[in-house]
């Protein structure tokens, strides 16, 4: 946090609000509207041990290791938010025959590069307390790795909404400061 040169008081004393964000995927548009929660992925790197006669020393590794992008979303009545991700995974894994893999470009025809239909791009925008964009995380070459089940229960009331979780892998992300 930035401080003035003569004081240790931060220039901006507002806290980041956990509910002021928007997640968009070029490939699964319903997630934008139904997204309930998203984790901002962490980053780490490996370390290289360097042997000495006395103790092990460590040097920084050479590759960044990104955490998964985890999303919780509401399931709409037509289940489009859930089915979009389901069909994406199914087309990439073609569980019945090779023809299913050929469906991948059709499923993504309006949403990305036709040469790499298994990938999408995603953007997470974080807003200030006044709803002005602060930061934009751009995720490159995103694809789903898991889609969670959801439970239907006759004792639930209609006020309870169904949600599901999905995890996504990506190559890397960049952070753009918007102010």
Protein backbone atom coordinates (compact mmCIF):
# COMPACT_ATOMS: atom_id res chain seq x y z
CA UNK A 1 0.00 0.00 0.00
CA UNK A 2 1.37 3.42 -0.91
CA UNK A 3 2.22 5.80 1.91
CA UNK A 4 3.24 9.42 2.04
CA UNK A 5 6.96 10.05 2.60
CA UNK A 6 6.46 11.61 6.05
CA UNK A 7 3.71 9.37 7.38
CA UNK A 8 2.98 5.70 7.71
CA UNK A 9 -0.73 6.31 7.06
CA UNK A 10 -1.83 4.70 3.76
CA UNK A 11 -2.99 7.07 1.03
CA UNK A 12 -6.07 4.91 0.41
CA UNK A 13 -7.65 3.59 3.59
CA UNK A 14 -10.57 1.82 1.88
CA UNK A 15 -10.71 -1.95 2.13
CA UNK A 16 -11.22 -4.11 -0.94
CA UNK A 17 -14.81 -5.35 -1.02
CA UNK A 18 -15.24 -9.10 -1.58
CA UNK A 19 -18.43 -8.72 -3.62
CA UNK A 20 -17.33 -6.15 -6.18
CA UNK A 21 -16.06 -8.20 -9.11
CA UNK A 22 -17.04 -9.50 -12.52
CA UNK A 23 -15.77 -12.67 -14.16
CA UNK A 24 -16.13 -13.11 -17.92
CA UNK A 25 -15.18 -16.00 -20.18
CA UNK A 26 -15.16 -15.68 -23.93
CA UNK A 27 -16.44 -19.26 -24.16
CA UNK A 28 -19.00 -19.69 -21.34
CA UNK A 29 -21.03 -16.46 -21.27
CA UNK A 30 -23.57 -17.56 -18.65
CA UNK A 31 -20.88 -17.68 -15.96
CA UNK A 32 -20.64 -13.87 -16.04
CA UNK A 33 -24.23 -13.46 -14.90
CA UNK A 34 -24.41 -16.41 -12.50
CA UNK A 35 -20.95 -16.22 -10.87
CA UNK A 36 -21.27 -16.23 -7.08
CA UNK A 37 -17.61 -16.46 -6.04
CA UNK A 38 -14.17 -16.69 -7.61
CA UNK A 39 -10.80 -17.26 -6.03
CA UNK A 40 -7.97 -15.00 -7.13
CA UNK A 41 -5.30 -17.62 -7.83
CA UNK A 42 -2.00 -17.49 -6.04
CA UNK A 43 1.41 -17.88 -7.61
CA UNK A 44 4.49 -19.65 -6.35
CA UNK A 45 7.80 -20.85 -7.69
CA UNK A 46 10.04 -23.79 -7.09
CA UNK A 47 13.36 -23.60 -5.38
CA UNK A 48 16.68 -25.15 -6.28
CA UNK A 49 18.74 -26.69 -3.47
CA UNK A 50 22.42 -25.83 -3.49
CA UNK A 51 24.54 -28.20 -1.42
CA UNK A 52 27.26 -26.88 0.85
CA UNK A 53 29.30 -28.74 3.44
CA UNK A 54 27.30 -27.03 6.20
CA UNK A 55 23.66 -26.38 5.26
CA UNK A 56 21.42 -26.65 2.25
CA UNK A 57 21.08 -23.27 0.56
CA UNK A 58 18.26 -22.49 -1.82
CA UNK A 59 18.08 -20.40 -4.96
CA UNK A 60 14.93 -19.21 -6.69
CA UNK A 61 13.43 -21.58 -9.22
CA UNK A 62 12.85 -20.63 -12.83
CA UNK A 63 9.13 -21.31 -13.40
CA UNK A 64 6.00 -19.72 -12.00
CA UNK A 65 3.40 -22.17 -10.68
CA UNK A 66 -0.15 -20.82 -10.75
CA UNK A 67 -3.00 -22.06 -8.57
CA UNK A 68 -6.27 -23.13 -10.19
CA UNK A 69 -8.97 -20.60 -10.99
CA UNK A 70 -11.91 -21.79 -8.86
CA UNK A 71 -15.42 -20.52 -9.53
CA UNK A 72 -18.74 -21.00 -7.75
CA UNK A 73 -21.79 -20.20 -9.86
CA UNK A 74 -25.55 -20.41 -9.58
CA UNK A 75 -27.30 -22.91 -11.82
CA UNK A 76 -30.03 -21.30 -13.92
CA UNK A 77 -33.33 -23.06 -14.54
CA UNK A 78 -32.28 -24.17 -18.02
CA UNK A 79 -28.91 -25.32 -16.56
CA UNK A 80 -27.01 -23.39 -19.26
CA UNK A 81 -24.28 -22.25 -16.86
CA UNK A 82 -23.58 -25.85 -15.83
CA UNK A 83 -24.09 -27.47 -19.27
CA UNK A 84 -21.70 -25.04 -21.00
CA UNK A 85 -18.83 -26.28 -18.85
CA UNK A 86 -20.02 -29.91 -18.98
CA UNK A 87 -20.10 -29.90 -22.79
CA UNK A 88 -16.70 -28.20 -22.95
CA UNK A 89 -15.09 -30.93 -20.83
CA UNK A 90 -16.95 -33.68 -22.65
CA UNK A 91 -15.87 -32.43 -26.08
CA UNK A 92 -12.21 -32.27 -24.97
CA UNK A 93 -12.29 -35.82 -23.60
CA UNK A 94 -14.61 -37.47 -26.20
CA UNK A 95 -15.85 -40.31 -23.92
CA UNK A 96 -17.82 -42.18 -26.59
CA UNK A 97 -16.12 -41.62 -29.94
CA UNK A 98 -13.78 -39.32 -31.85
CA UNK A 99 -16.71 -37.50 -33.44
CA UNK A 100 -17.33 -35.79 -30.08
CA UNK A 101 -13.93 -34.10 -30.31
CA UNK A 102 -14.94 -32.71 -33.69
CA UNK A 103 -17.79 -30.94 -31.88
CA UNK A 104 -15.30 -28.80 -29.93
CA UNK A 105 -14.94 -26.11 -32.63
CA UNK A 106 -18.72 -25.95 -33.08
CA UNK A 107 -19.22 -25.48 -29.34
CA UNK A 108 -16.76 -22.59 -29.34
CA UNK A 109 -17.51 -21.09 -32.78
CA UNK A 110 -18.31 -17.61 -31.47
CA UNK A 111 -15.96 -17.57 -28.51
CA UNK A 112 -12.34 -17.94 -29.40
CA UNK A 113 -9.61 -19.05 -31.71
CA UNK A 114 -10.90 -21.80 -34.04
CA UNK A 115 -7.38 -23.26 -34.23
CA UNK A 116 -7.35 -23.90 -30.45
CA UNK A 117 -11.02 -24.56 -29.58
CA UNK A 118 -10.18 -26.26 -26.28
CA UNK A 119 -9.08 -22.90 -24.79
CA UNK A 120 -10.84 -19.73 -23.78
CA UNK A 121 -9.70 -16.46 -22.31
CA UNK A 122 -11.12 -15.16 -19.05
CA UNK A 123 -11.08 -11.79 -17.33
CA UNK A 124 -11.64 -11.00 -13.67
CA UNK A 125 -12.32 -7.32 -13.01
CA UNK A 126 -12.13 -6.08 -9.43
CA UNK A 127 -14.04 -2.89 -8.60
CA UNK A 128 -13.60 -0.22 -5.95
CA UNK A 129 -16.22 0.63 -3.33
CA UNK A 130 -17.53 3.19 -5.86
CA UNK A 131 -17.77 0.49 -8.60
CA UNK A 132 -14.90 1.86 -10.67
CA UNK A 133 -12.55 -0.77 -12.12
CA UNK A 134 -9.36 -1.15 -10.10
CA UNK A 135 -7.63 -4.22 -11.53
CA UNK A 136 -8.18 -6.55 -14.43
CA UNK A 137 -6.76 -10.08 -14.28
CA UNK A 138 -6.44 -11.57 -17.77
CA UNK A 139 -6.20 -15.37 -17.87
CA UNK A 140 -4.67 -16.89 -20.99
CA UNK A 141 -5.52 -20.30 -22.52
CA UNK A 142 -8.12 -21.30 -19.94
CA UNK A 143 -9.75 -24.72 -19.89
CA UNK A 144 -11.89 -26.50 -17.27
CA UNK A 145 -10.39 -29.32 -15.22
CA UNK A 146 -13.42 -30.15 -13.09
CA UNK A 147 -17.12 -29.46 -12.74
CA UNK A 148 -18.74 -30.33 -9.42
CA UNK A 149 -21.98 -32.17 -8.97
CA UNK A 150 -25.05 -30.51 -7.49
CA UNK A 151 -27.71 -31.90 -5.17
CA UNK A 152 -31.45 -31.80 -5.76
CA UNK A 153 -33.43 -32.27 -2.54
CA UNK A 154 -37.19 -32.35 -2.09
CA UNK A 155 -36.96 -30.79 1.39
CA UNK A 156 -35.29 -27.60 0.08
CA UNK A 157 -37.37 -24.47 -0.41
CA UNK A 158 -37.51 -22.56 -3.72
CA UNK A 159 -35.58 -19.71 -2.09
CA UNK A 160 -32.48 -21.93 -1.94
CA UNK A 161 -30.54 -21.69 -5.17
CA UNK A 162 -28.44 -24.46 -6.60
CA UNK A 163 -24.76 -23.76 -7.10
CA UNK A 164 -21.85 -25.69 -8.50
CA UNK A 165 -18.09 -25.30 -8.55
CA UNK A 166 -15.72 -25.44 -11.49
CA UNK A 167 -11.94 -25.36 -11.60
CA UNK A 168 -9.95 -24.03 -14.51
CA UNK A 169 -6.31 -24.35 -15.52
CA UNK A 170 -4.63 -21.65 -17.58
CA UNK A 171 -1.14 -20.83 -18.86
CA UNK A 172 -0.66 -17.59 -16.94
CA UNK A 173 -2.41 -14.37 -16.00
CA UNK A 174 -1.53 -10.70 -16.18
CA UNK A 175 -2.72 -7.92 -13.89
CA UNK A 176 -3.59 -4.55 -15.38
CA UNK A 177 -4.04 -1.55 -13.09
CA UNK A 178 -7.14 0.35 -14.26
CA UNK A 179 -6.64 3.67 -12.43
